[in-house]
Amino acid sequence: MTISDRVRIKNERVLSDNYAKVTSTTFEWRRSDGRWQQQTRDVFERGNAAALLPYNLRQRTIVLIRQFRYPAYINGHDDLLIEAIAGLLDDAHPDVRIRAEAEEESGYRLHDVREIFEAFMSPGAVTEKIHFFVGEYEPEMRIGAGGGLAHEGEDIEVLELSFDEALAMIDNGRIVDAKTIMLLQYAALKIFK
C-alpha cells in the first residue's frame, strides 16, 4: 500500500492566491489500524527553495545576510534576521538558482556549489522543500555589492563573519533562522572540524 492509497481528498478550497497559495483541504486518512479519519488542514504552497552557506576555509569565514522579515517581526523578533543566502527556485534547477541568489544577495559569483541535503522546514503546514548548498568563496569572487533586488522588496546587508563568531550567534540568540542554523551546524561537523 502506498500513501496515495491512504488519502482521499474530499474538498479543497483556495483561501488566498497572492504571494503564495493557501488552501484549506478536507481529506480522509486511513489510520494504521485501517479506520478512515476525516481531517482538515490549511496548506501554504509557495514553491521550493535553495539555501547556501559560502565559506572560506583558509580564513575560517562565512558569508551571511541580514534583512527585515515581517512574519518574524510580528512574532516578536524586533531585529533584522541574520540568514543564509536563499531564494525560491522559480522553476529553475536548484544549483542554477542558488548561484543567481548568491550574486543578487551577496555580490559573490561562486564557481562551485555543492548540494548537501534537502529538508522540509515546516511539513505540518508548508509544502516548501529547501535544497541546502555550501560553496567555497574567495575575496576576488565578489563582483558587486549584493543587497538583493529592490523591486522584490529586498534590502539586504552582507555580513562576512568568522565561523566561530557565527556559531556563537546561535548560542546568544542572534541567529534564530532554522536554515542558517542547519547550515552552520553542518559546517561545524563537516567543514570547520
Foldseek 3Di string as FASTA:
>chain_A
DDQVVFKAWDDKDWPDPDQWTKIKTWIWGQDPVRDTDIDIAIATERAAKEFEWEAAQVQQKIKWKWAQDVVVVVVPPPGTAIGTQMDHCPPPDHVVVSQVSCCQAAQFRFDDKDFDDKADDDVRHYPYIYTYIYGYDDPVRRHDRHQHDVVVVTGMHMDMGRLVVVVVCVVVVRHDDVSRNVVSVCCVVPPND
